[in-house]
All heavy atoms as atom14 arrays in JSON, in Angstrom:
{
  "sequence": "TFSPTHIKVVTEAGVAYLMGIVNEQESAAAIQIARTTQGVRTVVNVME",
  "atom14_mask": [
    [1, 1, 1, 1, 1, 1, 1, 0, 0, 0, 0, 0, 0, 0],
    [1, 1, 1, 1, 1, 1, 1, 1, 1, 1, 1, 0, 0, 0],
    [1, 1, 1, 1, 1, 1, 0, 0, 0, 0, 0, 0, 0, 0],
    [1, 1, 1, 1, 1, 1, 1, 0, 0, 0, 0, 0, 0, 0],
    [1, 1, 1, 1, 1, 1, 1, 0, 0, 0, 0, 0, 0, 0],
    [1, 1, 1, 1, 1, 1, 1, 1, 1, 1, 0, 0, 0, 0],
    [1, 1, 1, 1, 1, 1, 1, 1, 0, 0, 0, 0, 0, 0],
    [1, 1, 1, 1, 1, 1, 1, 1, 1, 0, 0, 0, 0, 0],
    [1, 1, 1, 1, 1, 1, 1, 0, 0, 0, 0, 0, 0, 0],
    [1, 1, 1, 1, 1, 1, 1, 0, 0, 0, 0, 0, 0, 0],
    [1, 1, 1, 1, 1, 1, 1, 0, 0, 0, 0, 0, 0, 0],
    [1, 1, 1, 1, 1, 1, 1, 1, 1, 0, 0, 0, 0, 0],
    [1, 1, 1, 1, 1, 0, 0, 0, 0, 0, 0, 0, 0, 0],
    [1, 1, 1, 1, 0, 0, 0, 0, 0, 0, 0, 0, 0, 0],
    [1, 1, 1, 1, 1, 1, 1, 0, 0, 0, 0, 0, 0, 0],
    [1, 1, 1, 1, 1, 0, 0, 0, 0, 0, 0, 0, 0, 0],
    [1, 1, 1, 1, 1, 1, 1, 1, 1, 1, 1, 1, 0, 0],
    [1, 1, 1, 1, 1, 1, 1, 1, 0, 0, 0, 0, 0, 0],
    [1, 1, 1, 1, 1, 1, 1, 1, 0, 0, 0, 0, 0, 0],
    [1, 1, 1, 1, 0, 0, 0, 0, 0, 0, 0, 0, 0, 0],
    [1, 1, 1, 1, 1, 1, 1, 1, 0, 0, 0, 0, 0, 0],
    [1, 1, 1, 1, 1, 1, 1, 0, 0, 0, 0, 0, 0, 0],
    [1, 1, 1, 1, 1, 1, 1, 1, 0, 0, 0, 0, 0, 0],
    [1, 1, 1, 1, 1, 1, 1, 1, 1, 0, 0, 0, 0, 0],
    [1, 1, 1, 1, 1, 1, 1, 1, 1, 0, 0, 0, 0, 0],
    [1, 1, 1, 1, 1, 1, 1, 1, 1, 0, 0, 0, 0, 0],
    [1, 1, 1, 1, 1, 1, 0, 0, 0, 0, 0, 0, 0, 0],
    [1, 1, 1, 1, 1, 0, 0, 0, 0, 0, 0, 0, 0, 0],
    [1, 1, 1, 1, 1, 0, 0, 0, 0, 0, 0, 0, 0, 0],
    [1, 1, 1, 1, 1, 0, 0, 0, 0, 0, 0, 0, 0, 0],
    [1, 1, 1, 1, 1, 1, 1, 1, 0, 0, 0, 0, 0, 0],
    [1, 1, 1, 1, 1, 1, 1, 1, 1, 0, 0, 0, 0, 0],
    [1, 1, 1, 1, 1, 1, 1, 1, 0, 0, 0, 0, 0, 0],
    [1, 1, 1, 1, 1, 0, 0, 0, 0, 0, 0, 0, 0, 0],
    [1, 1, 1, 1, 1, 1, 1, 1, 1, 1, 1, 0, 0, 0],
    [1, 1, 1, 1, 1, 1, 1, 0, 0, 0, 0, 0, 0, 0],
    [1, 1, 1, 1, 1, 1, 1, 0, 0, 0, 0, 0, 0, 0],
    [1, 1, 1, 1, 1, 1, 1, 1, 1, 0, 0, 0, 0, 0],
    [1, 1, 1, 1, 0, 0, 0, 0, 0, 0, 0, 0, 0, 0],
    [1, 1, 1, 1, 1, 1, 1, 0, 0, 0, 0, 0, 0, 0],
    [1, 1, 1, 1, 1, 1, 1, 1, 1, 1, 1, 0, 0, 0],
    [1, 1, 1, 1, 1, 1, 1, 0, 0, 0, 0, 0, 0, 0],
    [1, 1, 1, 1, 1, 1, 1, 0, 0, 0, 0, 0, 0, 0],
    [1, 1, 1, 1, 1, 1, 1, 0, 0, 0, 0, 0, 0, 0],
    [1, 1, 1, 1, 1, 1, 1, 1, 0, 0, 0, 0, 0, 0],
    [1, 1, 1, 1, 1, 1, 1, 0, 0, 0, 0, 0, 0, 0],
    [1, 1, 1, 1, 1, 1, 1, 1, 0, 0, 0, 0, 0, 0],
    [1, 1, 1, 1, 1, 1, 1, 1, 1, 0, 0, 0, 0, 0]
  ],
  "atom14_positions": [
    [[-3.97, -0.65, 4.39], [-3.86, -2.1, 4.58], [-2.41, -2.59, 4.55], [-2.14, -3.73, 4.9], [-4.67, -2.87, 3.51], [-4.16, -2.52, 2.21], [-6.14, -2.53, 3.59], [0.0, 0.0, 0.0], [0.0, 0.0, 0.0], [0.0, 0.0, 0.0], [0.0, 0.0, 0.0], [0.0, 0.0, 0.0], [0.0, 0.0, 0.0], [0.0, 0.0, 0.0]],
    [[-1.51, -1.73, 4.1], [-0.08, -2.07, 4.13], [0.7, -0.77, 4.29], [0.17, 0.32, 4.05], [0.34, -2.8, 2.85], [0.1, -2.02, 1.58], [1.04, -1.13, 1.09], [-1.09, -2.17, 0.88], [0.82, -0.4, -0.07], [-1.33, -1.46, -0.28], [-0.38, -0.56, -0.76], [0.0, 0.0, 0.0], [0.0, 0.0, 0.0], [0.0, 0.0, 0.0]],
    [[1.94, -0.9, 4.7], [2.76, 0.3, 4.86], [3.19, 0.81, 3.49], [3.83, 0.09, 2.72], [4.01, -0.01, 5.7], [4.87, 1.13, 5.71], [0.0, 0.0, 0.0], [0.0, 0.0, 0.0], [0.0, 0.0, 0.0], [0.0, 0.0, 0.0], [0.0, 0.0, 0.0], [0.0, 0.0, 0.0], [0.0, 0.0, 0.0], [0.0, 0.0, 0.0]],
    [[2.87, 2.06, 3.15], [3.22, 2.58, 1.83], [4.72, 2.69, 1.6], [5.17, 2.73, 0.46], [2.54, 3.96, 1.81], [2.36, 4.32, 3.24], [2.11, 3.03, 3.95], [0.0, 0.0, 0.0], [0.0, 0.0, 0.0], [0.0, 0.0, 0.0], [0.0, 0.0, 0.0], [0.0, 0.0, 0.0], [0.0, 0.0, 0.0], [0.0, 0.0, 0.0]],
    [[5.5, 2.72, 2.68], [6.94, 2.82, 2.51], [7.57, 1.49, 2.11], [8.77, 1.41, 1.85], [7.61, 3.32, 3.81], [7.23, 2.47, 4.9], [7.19, 4.74, 4.12], [0.0, 0.0, 0.0], [0.0, 0.0, 0.0], [0.0, 0.0, 0.0], [0.0, 0.0, 0.0], [0.0, 0.0, 0.0], [0.0, 0.0, 0.0], [0.0, 0.0, 0.0]],
    [[6.77, 0.42, 2.05], [7.3, -0.87, 1.61], [7.32, -0.98, 0.08], [7.88, -1.94, -0.46], [6.45, -2.02, 2.17], [6.58, -2.18, 3.65], [5.68, -2.89, 4.4], [7.51, -1.71, 4.53], [6.04, -2.86, 5.68], [7.16, -2.15, 5.77], [0.0, 0.0, 0.0], [0.0, 0.0, 0.0], [0.0, 0.0, 0.0], [0.0, 0.0, 0.0]],
    [[6.7, -0.02, -0.6], [6.59, -0.1, -2.05], [7.05, 1.21, -2.68], [6.58, 2.29, -2.32], [5.15, -0.42, -2.49], [4.7, -1.75, -1.88], [5.03, -0.45, -4.02], [3.24, -2.08, -2.1], [0.0, 0.0, 0.0], [0.0, 0.0, 0.0], [0.0, 0.0, 0.0], [0.0, 0.0, 0.0], [0.0, 0.0, 0.0], [0.0, 0.0, 0.0]],
    [[7.95, 1.1, -3.64], [8.42, 2.27, -4.39], [7.68, 2.32, -5.72], [7.51, 1.3, -6.39], [9.93, 2.17, -4.63], [10.5, 3.32, -5.46], [12.02, 3.27, -5.51], [12.63, 3.74, -4.2], [14.1, 3.94, -4.29], [0.0, 0.0, 0.0], [0.0, 0.0, 0.0], [0.0, 0.0, 0.0], [0.0, 0.0, 0.0], [0.0, 0.0, 0.0]],
    [[7.24, 3.52, -6.1], [6.5, 3.71, -7.35], [7.33, 4.57, -8.3], [7.84, 5.62, -7.92], [5.14, 4.41, -7.1], [4.36, 4.52, -8.4], [4.34, 3.67, -6.04], [0.0, 0.0, 0.0], [0.0, 0.0, 0.0], [0.0, 0.0, 0.0], [0.0, 0.0, 0.0], [0.0, 0.0, 0.0], [0.0, 0.0, 0.0], [0.0, 0.0, 0.0]],
    [[7.46, 4.1, -9.53], [8.12, 4.86, -10.59], [7.15, 4.92, -11.76], [6.66, 3.89, -12.22], [9.43, 4.18, -11.04], [10.05, 4.95, -12.21], [10.41, 4.06, -9.89], [0.0, 0.0, 0.0], [0.0, 0.0, 0.0], [0.0, 0.0, 0.0], [0.0, 0.0, 0.0], [0.0, 0.0, 0.0], [0.0, 0.0, 0.0], [0.0, 0.0, 0.0]],
    [[6.83, 6.12, -12.24], [5.91, 6.27, -13.36], [6.64, 6.83, -14.57], [7.37, 7.81, -14.45], [4.73, 7.19, -13.0], [4.13, 6.75, -11.79], [3.69, 7.19, -14.12], [0.0, 0.0, 0.0], [0.0, 0.0, 0.0], [0.0, 0.0, 0.0], [0.0, 0.0, 0.0], [0.0, 0.0, 0.0], [0.0, 0.0, 0.0], [0.0, 0.0, 0.0]],
    [[6.44, 6.19, -15.69], [7.08, 6.62, -16.94], [6.05, 6.5, -18.06], [5.54, 5.43, -18.35], [8.29, 5.73, -17.26], [9.11, 6.22, -18.44], [9.91, 7.48, -18.14], [10.58, 7.53, -17.08], [9.88, 8.4, -18.97], [0.0, 0.0, 0.0], [0.0, 0.0, 0.0], [0.0, 0.0, 0.0], [0.0, 0.0, 0.0], [0.0, 0.0, 0.0]],
    [[5.71, 7.66, -18.68], [4.74, 7.71, -19.77], [3.41, 7.05, -19.38], [2.8, 6.33, -20.16], [5.31, 7.06, -21.02], [0.0, 0.0, 0.0], [0.0, 0.0, 0.0], [0.0, 0.0, 0.0], [0.0, 0.0, 0.0], [0.0, 0.0, 0.0], [0.0, 0.0, 0.0], [0.0, 0.0, 0.0], [0.0, 0.0, 0.0], [0.0, 0.0, 0.0]],
    [[3.0, 7.26, -18.13], [1.74, 6.72, -17.66], [1.78, 5.28, -17.21], [0.77, 4.73, -16.75], [0.0, 0.0, 0.0], [0.0, 0.0, 0.0], [0.0, 0.0, 0.0], [0.0, 0.0, 0.0], [0.0, 0.0, 0.0], [0.0, 0.0, 0.0], [0.0, 0.0, 0.0], [0.0, 0.0, 0.0], [0.0, 0.0, 0.0], [0.0, 0.0, 0.0]],
    [[2.95, 4.64, -17.3], [3.11, 3.26, -16.83], [3.68, 3.3, -15.41], [4.73, 3.9, -15.18], [4.06, 2.46, -17.74], [4.23, 1.04, -17.21], [3.53, 2.44, -19.17], [0.0, 0.0, 0.0], [0.0, 0.0, 0.0], [0.0, 0.0, 0.0], [0.0, 0.0, 0.0], [0.0, 0.0, 0.0], [0.0, 0.0, 0.0], [0.0, 0.0, 0.0]],
    [[2.97, 2.69, -14.47], [3.41, 2.68, -13.08], [4.16, 1.38, -12.78], [3.6, 0.29, -12.93], [2.22, 2.82, -12.14], [0.0, 0.0, 0.0], [0.0, 0.0, 0.0], [0.0, 0.0, 0.0], [0.0, 0.0, 0.0], [0.0, 0.0, 0.0], [0.0, 0.0, 0.0], [0.0, 0.0, 0.0], [0.0, 0.0, 0.0], [0.0, 0.0, 0.0]],
    [[5.41, 1.51, -12.38], [6.23, 0.37, -12.01], [6.27, 0.3, -10.49], [6.51, 1.31, -9.82], [7.65, 0.52, -12.56], [7.72, 0.61, -14.06], [7.59, 1.85, -14.71], [7.91, -0.52, -14.85], [7.65, 1.93, -16.09], [7.96, -0.44, -16.24], [7.83, 0.8, -16.85], [7.88, 0.89, -18.23], [0.0, 0.0, 0.0], [0.0, 0.0, 0.0]],
    [[6.04, -0.88, -9.94], [6.02, -1.06, -8.49], [7.19, -1.94, -8.06], [7.38, -3.03, -8.57], [4.7, -1.71, -8.05], [3.41, -1.01, -8.5], [2.19, -1.75, -7.93], [3.39, 0.45, -8.08], [0.0, 0.0, 0.0], [0.0, 0.0, 0.0], [0.0, 0.0, 0.0], [0.0, 0.0, 0.0], [0.0, 0.0, 0.0], [0.0, 0.0, 0.0]],
    [[7.97, -1.44, -7.1], [9.11, -2.16, -6.55], [8.93, -2.3, -5.05], [8.31, -1.45, -4.4], [10.42, -1.43, -6.85], [10.64, -1.06, -8.3], [12.22, -0.2, -8.58], [13.36, -1.59, -8.53], [0.0, 0.0, 0.0], [0.0, 0.0, 0.0], [0.0, 0.0, 0.0], [0.0, 0.0, 0.0], [0.0, 0.0, 0.0], [0.0, 0.0, 0.0]],
    [[9.48, -3.35, -4.46], [9.41, -3.51, -3.02], [9.58, -4.96, -2.61], [9.74, -5.85, -3.45], [0.0, 0.0, 0.0], [0.0, 0.0, 0.0], [0.0, 0.0, 0.0], [0.0, 0.0, 0.0], [0.0, 0.0, 0.0], [0.0, 0.0, 0.0], [0.0, 0.0, 0.0], [0.0, 0.0, 0.0], [0.0, 0.0, 0.0], [0.0, 0.0, 0.0]],
    [[9.57, -5.18, -1.31], [9.61, -6.53, -0.75], [8.27, -6.72, -0.03], [8.03, -6.12, 1.02], [10.78, -6.7, 0.23], [12.11, -6.41, -0.47], [10.79, -8.11, 0.83], [13.3, -6.35, 0.46], [0.0, 0.0, 0.0], [0.0, 0.0, 0.0], [0.0, 0.0, 0.0], [0.0, 0.0, 0.0], [0.0, 0.0, 0.0], [0.0, 0.0, 0.0]],
    [[7.4, -7.53, -0.61], [6.03, -7.64, -0.11], [5.54, -9.09, -0.17], [6.13, -9.93, -0.84], [5.07, -6.77, -0.95], [5.42, -5.29, -0.83], [5.11, -7.19, -2.43], [0.0, 0.0, 0.0], [0.0, 0.0, 0.0], [0.0, 0.0, 0.0], [0.0, 0.0, 0.0], [0.0, 0.0, 0.0], [0.0, 0.0, 0.0], [0.0, 0.0, 0.0]],
    [[4.43, -9.34, 0.52], [3.79, -10.64, 0.39], [2.68, -10.56, -0.66], [2.4, -9.47, -1.2], [3.26, -11.14, 1.74], [2.28, -10.18, 2.39], [1.33, -9.73, 1.76], [2.51, -9.86, 3.67], [0.0, 0.0, 0.0], [0.0, 0.0, 0.0], [0.0, 0.0, 0.0], [0.0, 0.0, 0.0], [0.0, 0.0, 0.0], [0.0, 0.0, 0.0]],
    [[2.05, -11.68, -0.96], [1.06, -11.73, -2.04], [-0.11, -10.77, -1.79], [-0.58, -10.1, -2.71], [0.52, -13.16, -2.18], [1.51, -14.15, -2.77], [1.66, -14.02, -4.28], [0.98, -13.15, -4.86], [2.44, -14.79, -4.87], [0.0, 0.0, 0.0], [0.0, 0.0, 0.0], [0.0, 0.0, 0.0], [0.0, 0.0, 0.0], [0.0, 0.0, 0.0]],
    [[-0.58, -10.71, -0.56], [-1.72, -9.84, -0.24], [-1.37, -8.38, -0.45], [-2.16, -7.61, -1.03], [-2.18, -10.07, 1.2], [-3.41, -9.26, 1.6], [-3.87, -9.56, 3.01], [-3.3, -10.41, 3.69], [-4.9, -8.87, 3.46], [0.0, 0.0, 0.0], [0.0, 0.0, 0.0], [0.0, 0.0, 0.0], [0.0, 0.0, 0.0], [0.0, 0.0, 0.0]],
    [[-0.2, -7.99, 0.0], [0.24, -6.6, -0.16], [0.43, -6.28, -1.64], [0.05, -5.19, -2.11], [1.54, -6.38, 0.6], [1.39, -6.46, 2.11], [2.71, -6.51, 2.83], [3.71, -6.99, 2.24], [2.76, -6.08, 4.01], [0.0, 0.0, 0.0], [0.0, 0.0, 0.0], [0.0, 0.0, 0.0], [0.0, 0.0, 0.0], [0.0, 0.0, 0.0]],
    [[1.01, -7.22, -2.38], [1.22, -7.01, -3.81], [-0.1, -6.81, -4.54], [-0.24, -5.87, -5.34], [1.95, -8.23, -4.41], [2.01, -8.15, -5.82], [0.0, 0.0, 0.0], [0.0, 0.0, 0.0], [0.0, 0.0, 0.0], [0.0, 0.0, 0.0], [0.0, 0.0, 0.0], [0.0, 0.0, 0.0], [0.0, 0.0, 0.0], [0.0, 0.0, 0.0]],
    [[-1.07, -7.66, -4.27], [-2.37, -7.57, -4.93], [-3.05, -6.24, -4.62], [-3.63, -5.59, -5.51], [-3.26, -8.73, -4.51], [0.0, 0.0, 0.0], [0.0, 0.0, 0.0], [0.0, 0.0, 0.0], [0.0, 0.0, 0.0], [0.0, 0.0, 0.0], [0.0, 0.0, 0.0], [0.0, 0.0, 0.0], [0.0, 0.0, 0.0], [0.0, 0.0, 0.0]],
    [[-2.98, -5.81, -3.36], [-3.61, -4.54, -2.95], [-2.95, -3.36, -3.65], [-3.62, -2.45, -4.15], [-3.54, -4.38, -1.44], [0.0, 0.0, 0.0], [0.0, 0.0, 0.0], [0.0, 0.0, 0.0], [0.0, 0.0, 0.0], [0.0, 0.0, 0.0], [0.0, 0.0, 0.0], [0.0, 0.0, 0.0], [0.0, 0.0, 0.0], [0.0, 0.0, 0.0]],
    [[-1.61, -3.38, -3.7], [-0.87, -2.28, -4.32], [-1.17, -2.19, -5.82], [-1.36, -1.09, -6.37], [0.62, -2.46, -4.09], [0.0, 0.0, 0.0], [0.0, 0.0, 0.0], [0.0, 0.0, 0.0], [0.0, 0.0, 0.0], [0.0, 0.0, 0.0], [0.0, 0.0, 0.0], [0.0, 0.0, 0.0], [0.0, 0.0, 0.0], [0.0, 0.0, 0.0]],
    [[-1.21, -3.33, -6.49], [-1.49, -3.35, -7.92], [-2.89, -2.82, -8.2], [-3.11, -2.03, -9.12], [-1.33, -4.77, -8.48], [0.16, -5.18, -8.46], [-1.88, -4.87, -9.92], [0.39, -6.64, -8.77], [0.0, 0.0, 0.0], [0.0, 0.0, 0.0], [0.0, 0.0, 0.0], [0.0, 0.0, 0.0], [0.0, 0.0, 0.0], [0.0, 0.0, 0.0]],
    [[-3.86, -3.23, -7.39], [-5.24, -2.79, -7.57], [-5.35, -1.28, -7.38], [-6.04, -0.59, -8.16], [-6.17, -3.51, -6.6], [-7.62, -3.06, -6.63], [-8.32, -3.3, -7.95], [-7.83, -4.05, -8.8], [-9.45, -2.63, -8.15], [0.0, 0.0, 0.0], [0.0, 0.0, 0.0], [0.0, 0.0, 0.0], [0.0, 0.0, 0.0], [0.0, 0.0, 0.0]],
    [[-4.69, -0.75, -6.37], [-4.72, 0.69, -6.13], [-4.07, 1.44, -7.3], [-4.63, 2.42, -7.8], [-4.0, 1.03, -4.82], [-4.79, 0.49, -3.62], [-3.8, 2.54, -4.67], [-4.04, 0.54, -2.32], [0.0, 0.0, 0.0], [0.0, 0.0, 0.0], [0.0, 0.0, 0.0], [0.0, 0.0, 0.0], [0.0, 0.0, 0.0], [0.0, 0.0, 0.0]],
    [[-2.91, 0.98, -7.73], [-2.19, 1.67, -8.81], [-2.98, 1.65, -10.11], [-3.1, 2.68, -10.79], [-0.83, 1.03, -9.0], [0.0, 0.0, 0.0], [0.0, 0.0, 0.0], [0.0, 0.0, 0.0], [0.0, 0.0, 0.0], [0.0, 0.0, 0.0], [0.0, 0.0, 0.0], [0.0, 0.0, 0.0], [0.0, 0.0, 0.0], [0.0, 0.0, 0.0]],
    [[-3.53, 0.49, -10.45], [-4.21, 0.37, -11.75], [-5.51, 1.16, -11.81], [-6.0, 1.48, -12.89], [-4.48, -1.1, -12.07], [-5.47, -1.81, -11.17], [-5.6, -3.29, -11.54], [-6.26, -3.44, -12.82], [-7.6, -3.51, -12.97], [-8.38, -3.47, -11.9], [-8.13, -3.64, -14.15], [0.0, 0.0, 0.0], [0.0, 0.0, 0.0], [0.0, 0.0, 0.0]],
    [[-6.07, 1.5, -10.66], [-7.31, 2.27, -10.63], [-7.07, 3.75, -10.32], [-8.01, 4.5, -10.07], [-8.3, 1.7, -9.58], [-7.66, 1.66, -8.3], [-8.74, 0.3, -9.97], [0.0, 0.0, 0.0], [0.0, 0.0, 0.0], [0.0, 0.0, 0.0], [0.0, 0.0, 0.0], [0.0, 0.0, 0.0], [0.0, 0.0, 0.0], [0.0, 0.0, 0.0]],
    [[-5.81, 4.17, -10.34], [-5.48, 5.57, -10.13], [-5.57, 6.32, -11.45], [-5.05, 5.86, -12.47], [-4.06, 5.72, -9.55], [-3.99, 5.05, -8.28], [-3.69, 7.18, -9.36], [0.0, 0.0, 0.0], [0.0, 0.0, 0.0], [0.0, 0.0, 0.0], [0.0, 0.0, 0.0], [0.0, 0.0, 0.0], [0.0, 0.0, 0.0], [0.0, 0.0, 0.0]],
    [[-6.23, 7.44, -11.44], [-6.4, 8.22, -12.66], [-5.06, 8.6, -13.27], [-4.17, 9.08, -12.59], [-7.2, 9.49, -12.37], [-7.55, 10.3, -13.61], [-8.41, 11.51, -13.29], [-8.63, 11.84, -12.14], [-8.92, 12.17, -14.31], [0.0, 0.0, 0.0], [0.0, 0.0, 0.0], [0.0, 0.0, 0.0], [0.0, 0.0, 0.0], [0.0, 0.0, 0.0]],
    [[-4.92, 8.36, -14.57], [-3.69, 8.69, -15.28], [-2.79, 7.49, -15.52], [-1.91, 7.54, -16.39], [0.0, 0.0, 0.0], [0.0, 0.0, 0.0], [0.0, 0.0, 0.0], [0.0, 0.0, 0.0], [0.0, 0.0, 0.0], [0.0, 0.0, 0.0], [0.0, 0.0, 0.0], [0.0, 0.0, 0.0], [0.0, 0.0, 0.0], [0.0, 0.0, 0.0]],
    [[-2.99, 6.42, -14.76], [-2.16, 5.21, -14.93], [-2.69, 4.4, -16.11], [-3.86, 3.98, -16.11], [-2.16, 4.35, -13.65], [-1.44, 3.02, -13.9], [-1.48, 5.11, -12.51], [0.0, 0.0, 0.0], [0.0, 0.0, 0.0], [0.0, 0.0, 0.0], [0.0, 0.0, 0.0], [0.0, 0.0, 0.0], [0.0, 0.0, 0.0], [0.0, 0.0, 0.0]],
    [[-1.86, 4.19, -17.11], [-2.27, 3.41, -18.29], [-2.16, 1.91, -18.03], [-2.99, 1.13, -18.44], [-1.42, 3.78, -19.5], [-1.59, 5.21, -19.97], [-0.99, 5.43, -21.34], [0.45, 5.17, -21.35], [1.02, 4.14, -21.95], [0.28, 3.21, -22.55], [2.34, 3.99, -21.94], [0.0, 0.0, 0.0], [0.0, 0.0, 0.0], [0.0, 0.0, 0.0]],
    [[-1.09, 1.52, -17.35], [-0.89, 0.11, -17.01], [0.08, 0.02, -15.84], [0.76, 1.0, -15.51], [-0.34, -0.68, -18.22], [-0.33, -2.08, -17.92], [1.08, -0.25, -18.56], [0.0, 0.0, 0.0], [0.0, 0.0, 0.0], [0.0, 0.0, 0.0], [0.0, 0.0, 0.0], [0.0, 0.0, 0.0], [0.0, 0.0, 0.0], [0.0, 0.0, 0.0]],
    [[0.12, -1.14, -15.2], [0.99, -1.36, -14.05], [1.95, -2.49, -14.36], [1.55, -3.53, -14.88], [0.17, -1.71, -12.78], [1.09, -2.05, -11.61], [-0.76, -0.57, -12.41], [0.0, 0.0, 0.0], [0.0, 0.0, 0.0], [0.0, 0.0, 0.0], [0.0, 0.0, 0.0], [0.0, 0.0, 0.0], [0.0, 0.0, 0.0], [0.0, 0.0, 0.0]],
    [[3.22, -2.27, -14.07], [4.23, -3.32, -14.23], [4.74, -3.69, -12.84], [5.26, -2.84, -12.11], [5.41, -2.85, -15.12], [6.49, -3.93, -15.18], [4.91, -2.52, -16.52], [0.0, 0.0, 0.0], [0.0, 0.0, 0.0], [0.0, 0.0, 0.0], [0.0, 0.0, 0.0], [0.0, 0.0, 0.0], [0.0, 0.0, 0.0], [0.0, 0.0, 0.0]],
    [[4.57, -4.95, -12.48], [4.94, -5.43, -11.16], [6.35, -5.99, -11.16], [6.62, -7.03, -11.75], [3.94, -6.51, -10.72], [4.31, -7.13, -9.38], [5.12, -6.6, -8.63], [3.71, -8.28, -9.09], [0.0, 0.0, 0.0], [0.0, 0.0, 0.0], [0.0, 0.0, 0.0], [0.0, 0.0, 0.0], [0.0, 0.0, 0.0], [0.0, 0.0, 0.0]],
    [[7.27, -5.29, -10.52], [8.64, -5.81, -10.34], [8.95, -5.94, -8.85], [10.1, -5.83, -8.42], [9.7, -4.94, -11.07], [9.58, -5.1, -12.56], [9.56, -3.46, -10.69], [0.0, 0.0, 0.0], [0.0, 0.0, 0.0], [0.0, 0.0, 0.0], [0.0, 0.0, 0.0], [0.0, 0.0, 0.0], [0.0, 0.0, 0.0], [0.0, 0.0, 0.0]],
    [[7.9, -6.16, -8.05], [8.09, -6.35, -6.61], [8.63, -7.75, -6.33], [8.38, -8.69, -7.08], [6.77, -6.16, -5.88], [6.22, -4.74, -5.93], [4.65, -4.52, -5.05], [3.49, -5.17, -6.27], [0.0, 0.0, 0.0], [0.0, 0.0, 0.0], [0.0, 0.0, 0.0], [0.0, 0.0, 0.0], [0.0, 0.0, 0.0], [0.0, 0.0, 0.0]],
    [[9.4, -7.87, -5.26], [9.89, -9.16, -4.8], [8.84, -9.75, -3.86], [8.55, -9.19, -2.81], [11.23, -9.0, -4.05], [12.36, -8.47, -4.92], [13.65, -8.33, -4.14], [14.0, -9.27, -3.39], [14.3, -7.27, -4.26], [0.0, 0.0, 0.0], [0.0, 0.0, 0.0], [0.0, 0.0, 0.0], [0.0, 0.0, 0.0], [0.0, 0.0, 0.0]]
  ]
}
């Protein structure tokens, strides 16, 4: 639903940090995908 190259993922101790330049729809989709990925404890959104 969005280009994966628009979002950078950094994981530290099971916390997934999301960076990128996105709109609200893309941000919501990316957060939902990340938070439901096995092993991710929480998601921190630092996207623009």
